[in-house]
N, C-alpha and C. Protein backbone atom coordinates (compact mmCIF):
# COMPACT_ATOMS: atom_id res chain seq x y z
N MET A 1 10.98 -90.49 84.77
CA MET A 1 11.94 -89.62 84.13
C MET A 1 12.37 -88.51 85.08
N ALA A 2 11.47 -88.03 85.91
CA ALA A 2 11.80 -86.95 86.83
C ALA A 2 12.91 -87.36 87.78
N GLU A 3 12.85 -88.56 88.30
CA GLU A 3 13.89 -89.02 89.23
C GLU A 3 15.23 -89.18 88.52
N LEU A 4 15.22 -89.67 87.30
CA LEU A 4 16.47 -89.76 86.54
C LEU A 4 17.05 -88.39 86.29
N TRP A 5 16.20 -87.44 85.91
CA TRP A 5 16.64 -86.07 85.64
C TRP A 5 17.31 -85.48 86.89
N LYS A 6 16.69 -85.69 88.05
CA LYS A 6 17.24 -85.17 89.30
C LYS A 6 18.60 -85.78 89.61
N ARG A 7 18.85 -86.98 89.12
CA ARG A 7 20.13 -87.67 89.34
C ARG A 7 21.16 -87.35 88.26
N GLY A 8 20.80 -86.45 87.36
CA GLY A 8 21.74 -86.02 86.34
C GLY A 8 21.70 -86.82 85.06
N VAL A 9 20.71 -87.69 84.91
CA VAL A 9 20.56 -88.45 83.67
C VAL A 9 19.66 -87.63 82.76
N TYR A 10 20.24 -87.16 81.67
CA TYR A 10 19.51 -86.30 80.77
C TYR A 10 18.54 -87.11 79.92
N GLY A 11 17.37 -86.57 79.71
CA GLY A 11 16.37 -87.22 78.88
C GLY A 11 15.27 -86.25 78.52
N ALA A 12 14.28 -86.76 77.84
CA ALA A 12 13.12 -85.98 77.43
C ALA A 12 11.92 -86.90 77.39
N VAL A 13 10.75 -86.31 77.34
CA VAL A 13 9.51 -87.07 77.29
C VAL A 13 8.80 -86.76 75.98
N LEU A 14 8.45 -87.80 75.24
CA LEU A 14 7.61 -87.63 74.06
C LEU A 14 6.18 -87.56 74.54
N CYS A 15 5.48 -86.53 74.12
CA CYS A 15 4.15 -86.28 74.66
C CYS A 15 3.23 -85.86 73.51
N SER A 16 2.10 -86.56 73.35
CA SER A 16 1.20 -86.17 72.28
C SER A 16 0.45 -84.89 72.66
N THR A 17 0.04 -84.19 71.64
CA THR A 17 -0.51 -82.84 71.77
C THR A 17 -1.52 -82.66 72.92
N PRO A 18 -2.53 -83.53 73.05
CA PRO A 18 -3.50 -83.29 74.13
C PRO A 18 -2.92 -83.43 75.53
N PHE A 19 -1.74 -84.03 75.65
CA PHE A 19 -1.17 -84.28 76.97
C PHE A 19 -0.02 -83.34 77.33
N MET A 20 0.25 -82.35 76.49
CA MET A 20 1.34 -81.42 76.76
C MET A 20 1.10 -80.63 78.05
N LYS A 21 -0.11 -80.16 78.24
CA LYS A 21 -0.43 -79.38 79.44
C LYS A 21 -0.24 -80.25 80.68
N LEU A 22 -0.71 -81.49 80.63
CA LEU A 22 -0.54 -82.42 81.74
C LEU A 22 0.94 -82.71 81.97
N GLY A 23 1.70 -82.93 80.90
CA GLY A 23 3.13 -83.20 81.03
C GLY A 23 3.87 -82.05 81.70
N THR A 24 3.53 -80.83 81.31
CA THR A 24 4.14 -79.65 81.91
C THR A 24 3.80 -79.56 83.40
N ALA A 25 2.55 -79.80 83.71
CA ALA A 25 2.12 -79.76 85.12
C ALA A 25 2.81 -80.85 85.94
N GLN A 26 2.92 -82.04 85.39
CA GLN A 26 3.55 -83.14 86.11
C GLN A 26 5.04 -82.86 86.32
N ALA A 27 5.71 -82.31 85.32
CA ALA A 27 7.13 -81.98 85.47
C ALA A 27 7.32 -81.00 86.63
N LYS A 28 6.45 -79.99 86.71
CA LYS A 28 6.53 -79.03 87.81
C LYS A 28 6.24 -79.70 89.14
N THR A 29 5.21 -80.53 89.17
CA THR A 29 4.82 -81.23 90.40
C THR A 29 5.96 -82.09 90.94
N PHE A 30 6.68 -82.74 90.03
CA PHE A 30 7.77 -83.62 90.44
C PHE A 30 9.11 -82.90 90.56
N GLY A 31 9.09 -81.58 90.48
CA GLY A 31 10.27 -80.78 90.76
C GLY A 31 11.27 -80.65 89.63
N VAL A 32 10.84 -80.89 88.40
CA VAL A 32 11.73 -80.74 87.25
C VAL A 32 11.03 -79.95 86.13
N PRO A 33 10.70 -78.68 86.41
CA PRO A 33 9.97 -77.90 85.41
C PRO A 33 10.74 -77.71 84.10
N GLU A 34 12.04 -77.91 84.15
CA GLU A 34 12.86 -77.75 82.94
C GLU A 34 12.93 -79.03 82.09
N LEU A 35 12.27 -80.10 82.52
CA LEU A 35 12.28 -81.36 81.78
C LEU A 35 11.72 -81.13 80.38
N PRO A 36 12.50 -81.46 79.34
CA PRO A 36 12.02 -81.23 77.98
C PRO A 36 10.87 -82.16 77.62
N LEU A 37 9.84 -81.58 77.02
CA LEU A 37 8.72 -82.34 76.47
C LEU A 37 8.75 -82.15 74.96
N ILE A 38 8.78 -83.24 74.24
CA ILE A 38 8.79 -83.19 72.78
C ILE A 38 7.39 -83.55 72.31
N GLU A 39 6.75 -82.60 71.66
CA GLU A 39 5.37 -82.79 71.25
C GLU A 39 5.28 -83.58 69.95
N ILE A 40 4.42 -84.59 69.97
CA ILE A 40 4.11 -85.36 68.76
C ILE A 40 2.60 -85.31 68.54
N ALA A 41 2.19 -85.57 67.32
CA ALA A 41 0.75 -85.56 67.00
C ALA A 41 0.05 -86.72 67.69
N HIS A 42 -1.20 -86.49 67.98
CA HIS A 42 -2.05 -87.49 68.63
C HIS A 42 -3.01 -88.05 67.59
N PRO A 43 -3.34 -89.30 67.64
CA PRO A 43 -2.87 -90.33 68.57
C PRO A 43 -1.64 -91.03 68.02
N LEU A 44 -1.00 -91.79 68.87
CA LEU A 44 0.11 -92.64 68.44
C LEU A 44 -0.34 -94.10 68.46
N GLY A 45 -1.10 -94.45 69.48
CA GLY A 45 -1.60 -95.82 69.59
C GLY A 45 -2.51 -96.17 68.43
N GLY A 46 -2.39 -97.39 67.96
CA GLY A 46 -3.26 -97.88 66.90
C GLY A 46 -2.80 -97.53 65.49
N LEU A 47 -1.70 -96.82 65.37
CA LEU A 47 -1.20 -96.46 64.04
C LEU A 47 -0.40 -97.61 63.44
N ASP A 48 -0.40 -97.68 62.12
CA ASP A 48 0.46 -98.67 61.47
C ASP A 48 1.91 -98.17 61.54
N ILE A 49 2.84 -99.06 61.29
CA ILE A 49 4.26 -98.76 61.49
C ILE A 49 4.72 -97.59 60.61
N GLU A 50 4.17 -97.45 59.44
CA GLU A 50 4.59 -96.34 58.57
C GLU A 50 4.21 -94.99 59.17
N ARG A 51 3.04 -94.90 59.74
CA ARG A 51 2.62 -93.66 60.38
C ARG A 51 3.46 -93.37 61.63
N VAL A 52 3.82 -94.41 62.36
CA VAL A 52 4.70 -94.23 63.52
C VAL A 52 6.05 -93.70 63.06
N ARG A 53 6.56 -94.25 61.97
CA ARG A 53 7.83 -93.76 61.42
C ARG A 53 7.73 -92.29 61.01
N GLU A 54 6.61 -91.91 60.43
CA GLU A 54 6.42 -90.51 60.05
C GLU A 54 6.46 -89.60 61.28
N ARG A 55 5.81 -90.02 62.35
CA ARG A 55 5.82 -89.23 63.58
C ARG A 55 7.23 -89.16 64.16
N ALA A 56 7.94 -90.29 64.12
CA ALA A 56 9.31 -90.32 64.63
C ALA A 56 10.20 -89.38 63.80
N ALA A 57 10.01 -89.38 62.50
CA ALA A 57 10.81 -88.51 61.63
C ALA A 57 10.58 -87.03 61.96
N LEU A 58 9.35 -86.68 62.34
CA LEU A 58 9.07 -85.30 62.72
C LEU A 58 9.67 -84.94 64.07
N ALA A 59 9.73 -85.90 64.98
CA ALA A 59 10.27 -85.65 66.31
C ALA A 59 11.80 -85.66 66.32
N LEU A 60 12.41 -86.38 65.41
CA LEU A 60 13.86 -86.57 65.41
C LEU A 60 14.66 -85.26 65.45
N PRO A 61 14.35 -84.26 64.64
CA PRO A 61 15.12 -83.01 64.72
C PRO A 61 15.08 -82.37 66.11
N LYS A 62 13.94 -82.46 66.78
CA LYS A 62 13.83 -81.91 68.12
C LYS A 62 14.71 -82.70 69.10
N ILE A 63 14.71 -84.01 68.96
CA ILE A 63 15.53 -84.85 69.81
C ILE A 63 17.01 -84.57 69.57
N LEU A 64 17.41 -84.49 68.32
CA LEU A 64 18.81 -84.20 67.99
C LEU A 64 19.21 -82.81 68.49
N GLY A 65 18.30 -81.86 68.42
CA GLY A 65 18.58 -80.52 68.95
C GLY A 65 18.86 -80.56 70.44
N LEU A 66 18.10 -81.35 71.18
CA LEU A 66 18.33 -81.47 72.61
C LEU A 66 19.67 -82.13 72.89
N ILE A 67 20.00 -83.13 72.11
CA ILE A 67 21.30 -83.81 72.29
C ILE A 67 22.44 -82.84 72.04
N ARG A 68 22.32 -82.07 70.97
CA ARG A 68 23.37 -81.08 70.65
C ARG A 68 23.48 -80.03 71.76
N GLU A 69 22.35 -79.60 72.25
CA GLU A 69 22.32 -78.56 73.27
C GLU A 69 22.94 -79.03 74.57
N HIS A 70 22.69 -80.26 74.96
CA HIS A 70 23.13 -80.73 76.27
C HIS A 70 24.30 -81.71 76.20
N GLY A 71 24.75 -82.03 75.00
CA GLY A 71 25.84 -82.97 74.86
C GLY A 71 27.21 -82.33 74.95
N GLN A 72 27.24 -81.03 75.15
CA GLN A 72 28.54 -80.33 75.18
C GLN A 72 29.16 -80.37 76.53
């Protein structure tokens, strides 16, 4: 994602709570400290589809906010 961001391709990273600190550090390390990280509850793996949908529904407003912010 960092290389895409540097090339002007806008995006974000979905990151579960325990990995937010790592995600922030990695974004800085790869030269894109402004890369948006969207926090979701942990864990995601092993969940049934309904729980995944619930997590997606919680993340969606944040994703749409980023689109609105940068889509202008």
